[in-house]
Protein backbone atom coordinates (compact mmCIF):
# COMPACT_ATOMS: atom_id res chain seq x y z
CA UNK A 1 111.22 276.63 -116.45
CA UNK A 2 108.69 276.58 -119.14
CA UNK A 3 108.73 277.37 -122.56
CA UNK A 4 108.97 281.48 -123.59
CA UNK A 5 107.44 283.52 -125.78
CA UNK A 6 109.99 285.43 -128.11
CA UNK A 7 108.89 288.76 -129.90
CA UNK A 8 110.74 289.50 -133.06
CA UNK A 9 110.63 292.11 -135.84
CA UNK A 10 109.08 290.56 -138.92
CA UNK A 11 111.23 292.79 -141.58
CA UNK A 12 108.27 294.68 -142.52
CA UNK A 13 107.40 296.94 -139.84
CA UNK A 14 105.34 294.51 -137.91
CA UNK A 15 105.89 291.62 -135.14
CA UNK A 16 105.47 288.16 -134.60
CA UNK A 17 105.65 286.09 -131.65
CA UNK A 18 106.54 282.38 -131.45
CA UNK A 19 106.33 280.17 -128.46
CA UNK A 20 109.70 278.60 -127.80
CA UNK A 21 110.76 275.00 -125.78
CA UNK A 22 113.14 274.91 -123.11
CA UNK A 23 115.31 273.43 -125.91
CA UNK A 24 114.94 275.65 -128.31
CA UNK A 25 112.62 274.44 -130.55
CA UNK A 26 109.67 276.31 -131.99
CA UNK A 27 106.48 275.32 -131.50
CA UNK A 28 104.25 277.74 -132.46
CA UNK A 29 104.53 280.98 -134.50
CA UNK A 30 101.84 283.57 -134.72
CA UNK A 31 100.53 286.10 -137.07
CA UNK A 32 102.14 289.54 -137.99
CA UNK A 33 100.51 292.07 -136.22
CA UNK A 34 101.46 295.71 -136.94
CA UNK A 35 102.48 297.28 -133.49
CA UNK A 36 104.26 294.95 -130.76
CA UNK A 37 100.96 295.66 -128.35
CA UNK A 38 98.77 294.03 -130.65
CA UNK A 39 101.58 291.09 -130.82
CA UNK A 40 101.35 291.60 -126.67
CA UNK A 41 97.88 291.23 -126.92
CA UNK A 42 97.84 288.18 -129.43
CA UNK A 43 100.26 286.28 -126.89
CA UNK A 44 97.68 286.78 -123.83
CA UNK A 45 94.85 285.85 -125.93
CA UNK A 46 96.59 282.46 -126.77
CA UNK A 47 97.40 282.48 -122.92
CA UNK A 48 93.63 282.43 -122.08
CA UNK A 49 92.27 280.53 -124.87
CA UNK A 50 94.53 277.32 -124.72
CA UNK A 51 95.84 276.55 -121.70
CA UNK A 52 94.06 273.03 -121.80
CA UNK A 53 92.99 273.23 -125.61
CA UNK A 54 91.77 269.75 -126.69
CA UNK A 55 92.60 268.12 -130.03
CA UNK A 56 90.42 268.81 -132.51
CA UNK A 57 91.84 266.01 -135.59
CA UNK A 58 90.00 266.69 -138.77
CA UNK A 59 92.33 264.77 -141.20
CA UNK A 60 90.69 262.21 -143.07
CA UNK A 61 93.14 259.27 -143.15
CA UNK A 62 94.71 257.53 -139.72
CA UNK A 63 98.29 258.35 -139.42
């Protein structure tokens, strides 16, 4: 099984999603959304746009 997206209420009447690995570690967290539908759409946007996204390292120093 691969990671999963977890939707939760944010305490302000909105919703957030997190991408969680099999070991329970949170890998990424989405912004706050006003509705659950918008949150699910945010998940679908990530799925569509980042399946093989390159790394754009804009750090000034090495490390």
